C-alpha atoms as a PDB file:
ATOM      1  CA  MET A   1       4.078  11.544 -16.555  1.00  0.00           C
ATOM      2  CA  GLN A   2       1.280  12.181 -19.031  1.00  0.00           C
ATOM      3  CA  ASN A   3      -0.490  10.873 -22.125  1.00  0.00           C
ATOM      4  CA  GLN A   4      -3.881  11.382 -23.582  1.00  0.00           C
ATOM      5  CA  ASN A   5      -5.625   9.156 -21.021  1.00  0.00           C
ATOM      6  CA  TYR A   6      -4.142   9.988 -17.604  1.00  0.00           C
ATOM      7  CA  SER A   7      -1.599  11.912 -15.620  1.00  0.00           C
ATOM      8  CA  ILE A   8       0.303  11.023 -12.402  1.00  0.00           C
ATOM      9  CA  ARG A   9       1.292  13.670  -9.912  1.00  0.00           C
ATOM     10  CA  LEU A  10       1.839  14.181  -6.161  1.00  0.00           C
ATOM     11  CA  GLU A  11      -1.178  14.379  -3.932  1.00  0.00           C
ATOM     12  CA  THR A  12      -2.011  17.874  -2.612  1.00  0.00           C
ATOM     13  CA  ASN A  13      -3.901  18.899   0.536  1.00  0.00           C
ATOM     14  CA  ALA A  14      -6.851  19.824  -1.674  1.00  0.00           C
ATOM     15  CA  ASP A  15      -7.035  16.174  -2.883  1.00  0.00           C
ATOM     16  CA  HIS A  16      -7.376  14.601   0.558  1.00  0.00           C
ATOM     17  CA  ARG A  17     -11.137  14.137   0.689  1.00  0.00           C
ATOM     18  CA  GLU A  18     -11.401  12.991  -2.919  1.00  0.00           C
ATOM     19  CA  VAL A  19      -8.656  10.444  -2.396  1.00  0.00           C
ATOM     20  CA  GLU A  20     -10.210   9.143   0.819  1.00  0.00           C
ATOM     21  CA  ASN A  21     -13.544   8.702  -0.948  1.00  0.00           C
ATOM     22  CA  LEU A  22     -11.793   6.914  -3.834  1.00  0.00           C
ATOM     23  CA  ILE A  23     -10.128   4.516  -1.455  1.00  0.00           C
ATOM     24  CA  ARG A  24     -13.398   3.953   0.380  1.00  0.00           C
ATOM     25  CA  GLU A  25     -15.152   3.059  -2.857  1.00  0.00           C
ATOM     26  CA  ALA A  26     -12.304   0.759  -3.967  1.00  0.00           C
ATOM     27  CA  PHE A  27     -11.991  -1.202  -0.708  1.00  0.00           C
ATOM     28  CA  TRP A  28     -15.625  -1.231   0.490  1.00  0.00           C
ATOM     29  CA  ASN A  29     -16.691  -4.831   1.414  1.00  0.00           C
ATOM     30  CA  VAL A  30     -13.527  -6.255  -0.227  1.00  0.00           C
ATOM     31  CA  TYR A  31     -11.549  -7.506   2.778  1.00  0.00           C
ATOM     32  CA  ARG A  32     -14.201  -7.005   5.437  1.00  0.00           C
ATOM     33  CA  PRO A  33     -17.703  -5.627   5.757  1.00  0.00           C
ATOM     34  CA  GLY A  34     -17.141  -1.922   5.059  1.00  0.00           C
ATOM     35  CA  CYS A  35     -13.453  -0.884   5.117  1.00  0.00           C
ATOM     36  CA  SER A  36     -10.826   0.967   7.124  1.00  0.00           C
ATOM     37  CA  GLU A  37      -8.327   1.949   4.394  1.00  0.00           C
ATOM     38  CA  HIS A  38      -9.780   5.447   3.844  1.00  0.00           C
ATOM     39  CA  TYR A  39      -9.206   6.176   7.546  1.00  0.00           C
ATOM     40  CA  VAL A  40      -5.726   4.580   7.411  1.00  0.00           C
ATOM     41  CA  ILE A  41      -4.530   7.058   4.785  1.00  0.00           C
ATOM     42  CA  HIS A  42      -6.127   9.913   6.735  1.00  0.00           C
ATOM     43  CA  VAL A  43      -3.932   8.905   9.737  1.00  0.00           C
ATOM     44  CA  LEU A  44      -0.812   8.048   7.754  1.00  0.00           C
ATOM     45  CA  ARG A  45      -0.459  11.488   6.180  1.00  0.00           C
ATOM     46  CA  ASP A  46       0.549  12.851   9.612  1.00  0.00           C
ATOM     47  CA  ASP A  47       2.827   9.954  10.497  1.00  0.00           C
ATOM     48  CA  PRO A  48       6.580  10.811  10.622  1.00  0.00           C
ATOM     49  CA  ALA A  49       7.246   7.677   8.492  1.00  0.00           C
ATOM     50  CA  PHE A  50       5.030   8.929   5.649  1.00  0.00           C
ATOM     51  CA  VAL A  51       6.991   9.735   2.507  1.00  0.00           C
ATOM     52  CA  LYS A  52       5.324  12.859   1.042  1.00  0.00           C
ATOM     53  CA  GLU A  53       7.526  12.709  -2.023  1.00  0.00           C
ATOM     54  CA  LEU A  54       6.028   9.301  -2.872  1.00  0.00           C
ATOM     55  CA  ASP A  55       2.318  10.064  -2.322  1.00  0.00           C
ATOM     56  CA  PHE A  56       0.882   9.851  -5.820  1.00  0.00           C
ATOM     57  CA  VAL A  57      -2.505  10.255  -7.487  1.00  0.00           C
ATOM     58  CA  MET A  58      -3.599   9.377 -11.026  1.00  0.00           C
ATOM     59  CA  GLU A  59      -5.998  11.714 -12.817  1.00  0.00           C
ATOM     60  CA  GLN A  60      -8.208  11.257 -15.843  1.00  0.00           C
ATOM     61  CA  ASP A  61     -10.475  14.003 -17.237  1.00  0.00           C
ATOM     62  CA  GLY A  62      -9.970  16.093 -14.091  1.00  0.00           C
ATOM     63  CA  ARG A  63     -10.948  13.258 -11.766  1.00  0.00           C
ATOM     64  CA  ILE A  64      -8.681  11.221  -9.462  1.00  0.00           C
ATOM     65  CA  ILE A  65      -8.936   7.597 -10.516  1.00  0.00           C
ATOM     66  CA  GLY A  66      -6.015   6.026  -8.594  1.00  0.00           C
ATOM     67  CA  GLN A  67      -3.424   6.512  -5.883  1.00  0.00           C
ATOM     68  CA  ASN A  68      -0.456   4.961  -4.113  1.00  0.00           C
ATOM     69  CA  LEU A  69       1.706   5.922  -1.143  1.00  0.00           C
ATOM     70  CA  PHE A  70       4.776   4.731   0.729  1.00  0.00           C
ATOM     71  CA  MET A  71       5.843   4.557   4.369  1.00  0.00           C
ATOM     72  CA  LYS A  72       9.343   4.140   5.826  1.00  0.00           C
ATOM     73  CA  THR A  73       9.850   1.074   7.979  1.00  0.00           C
ATOM     74  CA  TYR A  74      12.572  -1.481   8.755  1.00  0.00           C
ATOM     75  CA  ILE A  75      13.792  -5.017   8.982  1.00  0.00           C
ATOM     76  CA  GLN A  76      15.288  -6.073  12.343  1.00  0.00           C
ATOM     77  CA  ALA A  77      18.109  -8.179  11.002  1.00  0.00           C
ATOM     78  CA  ASP A  78      19.209 -11.346  12.780  1.00  0.00           C
ATOM     79  CA  ASP A  79      22.705  -9.918  13.142  1.00  0.00           C
ATOM     80  CA  GLY A  80      21.411  -6.868  15.076  1.00  0.00           C
ATOM     81  CA  ARG A  81      21.305  -4.324  12.261  1.00  0.00           C
ATOM     82  CA  GLN A  82      18.219  -2.315  11.460  1.00  0.00           C
ATOM     83  CA  ILE A  83      17.728  -2.252   7.683  1.00  0.00           C
ATOM     84  CA  ASP A  84      15.670   0.628   6.327  1.00  0.00           C
ATOM     85  CA  VAL A  85      12.998  -0.318   3.788  1.00  0.00           C
ATOM     86  CA  LEU A  86       9.700   0.961   2.504  1.00  0.00           C
ATOM     87  CA  THR A  87       6.235  -0.433   2.694  1.00  0.00           C
ATOM     88  CA  MET A  88       3.398   0.562   0.389  1.00  0.00           C
ATOM     89  CA  GLY A  89      -0.337   1.239   0.220  1.00  0.00           C
ATOM     90  CA  PRO A  90      -3.162   1.524   0.283  1.00  0.00           C
ATOM     91  CA  ILE A  91      -2.966   1.470  -3.490  1.00  0.00           C
ATOM     92  CA  CYS A  92      -6.101   1.448  -5.619  1.00  0.00           C
ATOM     93  CA  ILE A  93      -7.825   2.254  -8.869  1.00  0.00           C
ATOM     94  CA  THR A  94     -11.474   3.404  -8.994  1.00  0.00           C
ATOM     95  CA  PRO A  95     -13.678   0.284  -9.250  1.00  0.00           C
ATOM     96  CA  GLU A  96     -15.050   0.946 -12.738  1.00  0.00           C
ATOM     97  CA  LEU A  97     -11.564   1.145 -14.237  1.00  0.00           C
ATOM     98  CA  LYS A  98     -10.042  -1.934 -12.626  1.00  0.00           C
ATOM     99  CA  ARG A  99      -8.355  -4.576 -14.772  1.00  0.00           C
ATOM    100  CA  ARG A 100      -7.523  -2.062 -17.516  1.00  0.00           C
ATOM    101  CA  GLY A 101      -3.857  -1.642 -16.702  1.00  0.00           C
ATOM    102  CA  TYR A 102      -4.012   1.560 -14.685  1.00  0.00           C
ATOM    103  CA  GLY A 103      -3.039  -0.129 -11.451  1.00  0.00           C
ATOM    104  CA  LYS A 104       0.194  -1.465 -12.884  1.00  0.00           C
ATOM    105  CA  ILE A 105       0.934   1.945 -14.446  1.00  0.00           C
ATOM    106  CA  ILE A 106       0.770   3.871 -11.146  1.00  0.00           C
ATOM    107  CA  LEU A 107       2.539   1.027  -9.368  1.00  0.00           C
ATOM    108  CA  ASP A 108       5.445   0.885 -11.733  1.00  0.00           C
ATOM    109  CA  TYR A 109       5.718   4.707 -11.826  1.00  0.00           C
ATOM    110  CA  SER A 110       5.739   5.028  -8.057  1.00  0.00           C
ATOM    111  CA  LEU A 111       8.315   2.220  -7.666  1.00  0.00           C
ATOM    112  CA  GLU A 112      10.554   3.964 -10.171  1.00  0.00           C
ATOM    113  CA  LYS A 113      10.346   7.180  -8.200  1.00  0.00           C
ATOM    114  CA  ALA A 114      11.152   5.350  -4.972  1.00  0.00           C
ATOM    115  CA  ALA A 115      14.221   3.847  -6.582  1.00  0.00           C
ATOM    116  CA  GLU A 116      15.285   7.277  -7.833  1.00  0.00           C
ATOM    117  CA  MET A 117      15.156   8.515  -4.250  1.00  0.00           C
ATOM    118  CA  GLY A 118      17.625   5.814  -3.238  1.00  0.00           C
ATOM    119  CA  PHE A 119      15.347   3.482  -1.229  1.00  0.00           C
ATOM    120  CA  GLY A 120      16.594  -0.095  -1.249  1.00  0.00           C
ATOM    121  CA  ALA A 121      13.545  -2.305  -1.060  1.00  0.00           C
ATOM    122  CA  VAL A 122       9.766  -2.400  -0.675  1.00  0.00           C
ATOM    123  CA  LEU A 123       7.945  -5.017   1.410  1.00  0.00           C
ATOM    124  CA  PHE A 124       4.192  -5.264   1.874  1.00  0.00           C
ATOM    125  CA  GLU A 125       1.145  -7.519   1.854  1.00  0.00           C
ATOM    126  CA  GLY A 126      -0.315  -8.282  -1.544  1.00  0.00           C
ATOM    127  CA  ASN A 127      -1.264 -10.778  -4.250  1.00  0.00           C
ATOM    128  CA  ILE A 128       1.695 -12.224  -6.124  1.00  0.00           C
ATOM    129  CA  ASP A 129      -0.442 -12.779  -9.258  1.00  0.00           C
ATOM    130  CA  PHE A 130      -0.697  -9.023  -9.667  1.00  0.00           C
ATOM    131  CA  TYR A 131       2.401  -7.616  -8.013  1.00  0.00           C
ATOM    132  CA  GLY A 132       4.679 -10.304  -9.423  1.00  0.00           C
ATOM    133  CA  LYS A 133       4.217  -8.590 -12.832  1.00  0.00           C
ATOM    134  CA  SER A 134       6.032  -5.568 -11.406  1.00  0.00           C
ATOM    135  CA  GLY A 135       8.993  -7.536  -9.991  1.00  0.00           C
ATOM    136  CA  PHE A 136       7.749  -8.548  -6.547  1.00  0.00           C
ATOM    137  CA  ASP A 137       8.547 -11.962  -5.176  1.00  0.00           C
ATOM    138  CA  TYR A 138       7.800 -13.808  -1.936  1.00  0.00           C
ATOM    139  CA  ALA A 139       9.679 -12.103   0.886  1.00  0.00           C
ATOM    140  CA  GLY A 140      10.639 -15.472   2.273  1.00  0.00           C
ATOM    141  CA  LYS A 141      12.917 -15.942  -0.746  1.00  0.00           C
ATOM    142  CA  PHE A 142      14.944 -12.974   0.561  1.00  0.00           C
ATOM    143  CA  GLY A 143      15.149 -14.451   4.070  1.00  0.00           C
ATOM    144  CA  ILE A 144      12.706 -11.913   5.518  1.00  0.00           C
ATOM    145  CA  ARG A 145      10.034 -13.014   7.958  1.00  0.00           C
ATOM    146  CA  TYR A 146       6.731 -11.242   8.742  1.00  0.00           C
ATOM    147  CA  HIS A 147       6.386 -10.096  12.373  1.00  0.00           C
ATOM    148  CA  ASP A 148       3.984 -12.059  14.584  1.00  0.00           C
ATOM    149  CA  LEU A 149       3.591 -14.793  12.013  1.00  0.00           C
ATOM    150  CA  PRO A 150       4.274 -18.390  13.174  1.00  0.00           C
ATOM    151  CA  GLU A 151       7.044 -20.123  11.231  1.00  0.00           C
ATOM    152  CA  ASP A 152       4.643 -22.737   9.754  1.00  0.00           C
ATOM    153  CA  ALA A 153       2.015 -20.187   8.712  1.00  0.00           C
ATOM    154  CA  ASP A 154       1.263 -19.291   5.110  1.00  0.00           C
ATOM    155  CA  ALA A 155       3.306 -16.204   4.227  1.00  0.00           C
ATOM    156  CA  SER A 156       2.422 -16.086   0.500  1.00  0.00           C
ATOM    157  CA  PHE A 157       0.841 -12.668   1.056  1.00  0.00           C
ATOM    158  CA  PHE A 158       4.131 -11.143   2.183  1.00  0.00           C
ATOM    159  CA  LEU A 159       5.983  -9.732  -0.834  1.00  0.00           C
ATOM    160  CA  CYS A 160       9.272  -7.979  -1.536  1.00  0.00           C
ATOM    161  CA  LYS A 161      10.938  -6.076  -4.357  1.00  0.00           C
ATOM    162  CA  GLU A 162      14.512  -4.855  -4.275  1.00  0.00           C
ATOM    163  CA  LEU A 163      14.854  -1.351  -5.727  1.00  0.00           C
ATOM    164  CA  ILE A 164      18.650  -1.581  -5.400  1.00  0.00           C
ATOM    165  CA  PRO A 165      19.817  -4.940  -6.751  1.00  0.00           C
ATOM    166  CA  GLY A 166      21.484  -6.946  -3.973  1.00  0.00           C
ATOM    167  CA  TYR A 167      20.191  -4.625  -1.212  1.00  0.00           C
ATOM    168  CA  LEU A 168      19.032  -7.607   0.887  1.00  0.00           C
ATOM    169  CA  ASP A 169      21.739 -10.110  -0.121  1.00  0.00           C
ATOM    170  CA  ASP A 170      23.274 -10.316   3.329  1.00  0.00           C
ATOM    171  CA  VAL A 171      20.072  -9.728   5.306  1.00  0.00           C
ATOM    172  CA  THR A 172      17.830 -12.113   7.138  1.00  0.00           C
ATOM    173  CA  GLY A 173      15.416 -10.895   9.747  1.00  0.00           C
ATOM    174  CA  ILE A 174      11.920  -9.730  10.741  1.00  0.00           C
ATOM    175  CA  TYR A 175       9.931  -7.060   8.931  1.00  0.00           C
ATOM    176  CA  TYR A 176       7.782  -4.685  10.996  1.00  0.00           C
ATOM    177  CA  THR A 177       4.608  -2.993   9.708  1.00  0.00           C
ATOM    178  CA  PRO A 178       4.519   0.700  10.669  1.00  0.00           C
ATOM    179  CA  GLN A 179       2.247   1.316  13.692  1.00  0.00           C
ATOM    180  CA  GLY A 180       0.225   3.855  11.715  1.00  0.00           C
ATOM    181  CA  TYR A 181      -1.529   1.065   9.823  1.00  0.00           C
ATOM    182  CA  TYR A 182      -3.111  -0.228  13.047  1.00  0.00           C
ATOM    183  CA  VAL A 183      -6.254   1.789  13.593  1.00  0.00           C
ATOM    184  CA  ASP A 184      -9.076   1.432  16.143  1.00  0.00           C
ATOM    185  CA  ASP A 185     -12.376   0.176  14.819  1.00  0.00           C
ATOM    186  CA  ALA A 186     -14.243   2.839  16.817  1.00  0.00           C
ATOM    187  CA  ASP A 187     -12.156   5.574  15.197  1.00  0.00           C
ATOM    188  CA  VAL A 188     -12.864   4.117  11.777  1.00  0.00           C
ATOM    189  CA  GLU A 189     -16.571   4.063  12.472  1.00  0.00           C
ATOM    190  CA  SER A 190     -16.536   7.681  13.640  1.00  0.00           C
ATOM    191  CA  PHE A 191     -14.600   8.826  10.635  1.00  0.00           C
ATOM    192  CA  ASP A 192     -16.783   6.853   8.213  1.00  0.00           C
ATOM    193  CA  LYS A 193     -19.880   8.726   9.363  1.00  0.00           C
ATOM    194  CA  SER A 194     -18.593  11.801   7.586  1.00  0.00           C
ATOM    195  CA  PHE A 195     -19.056  10.038   4.237  1.00  0.00           C
ATOM    196  CA  PRO A 196     -22.303   9.118   2.419  1.00  0.00           C
ATOM    197  CA  PRO A 197     -23.927   6.013   3.925  1.00  0.00           C
ATOM    198  CA  LYS A 198     -22.925   2.666   2.355  1.00  0.00           C
ATOM    199  CA  LYS A 199     -24.175  -0.806   3.259  1.00  0.00           C
ATOM    200  CA  LYS A 200     -21.732  -3.127   4.921  1.00  0.00           C
ATOM    201  CA  GLU A 201     -21.988  -6.700   3.707  1.00  0.00           C
ATOM    202  CA  LYS A 202     -20.259  -9.918   4.678  1.00  0.00           C
ATOM    203  CA  LEU A 203     -19.170 -11.506   1.449  1.00  0.00           C
ATOM    204  CA  PRO A 204     -17.260 -14.682   0.400  1.00  0.00           C
ATOM    205  CA  GLY A 205     -13.507 -14.078   0.215  1.00  0.00           C
ATOM    206  CA  GLN A 206     -13.319 -11.482   2.956  1.00  0.00           C
ATOM    207  CA  ILE A 207     -10.478 -12.178   5.353  1.00  0.00           C
ATOM    208  CA  PHE A 208     -11.640 -10.060   8.339  1.00  0.00           C
ATOM    209  CA  ASP A 209     -14.939 -10.049  10.253  1.00  0.00           C
END
């Protein structure tokens, strides 16, 4: 997929460090002081649930400016079935190019490719104001509950998009985040020391300490 401004392709091994640095820059001090997302992708690439065919980067003028990836996971249905689905991310665009439409471009492209591969649905944590523009809705509307979340808790962060229409029509159950997303803070700190120093700051709007 190309035009005069960007191209989207699969990530290669040679891209790993550049992508990790991109993710670090994009997520630094956003959800917590510092970030862990650059280490998360470092770990996920070796996870059996990682979908290499859906690991995309966006380039502009020879520089990687965005990325997205997918992981296989499942819904434990109330009737005992295990329903295969995807989850997504980290997804990001380099900070200086945010809010210019690039994020939606790589999102829509990667969702289209996931649909072409035959995956039925994507569930993940995100902001409906952005992801709703690409067809995501609240997962609760599909009868899917987020693991470990009390019934009366706010689940507006938990989103879903069917890639195959009707894929979740007869499904209610609990969604499980792949274990690869859960990383140890000490491992994150150790990994981060291999990057240029950045100041951690506690800022308004962060959701983790």
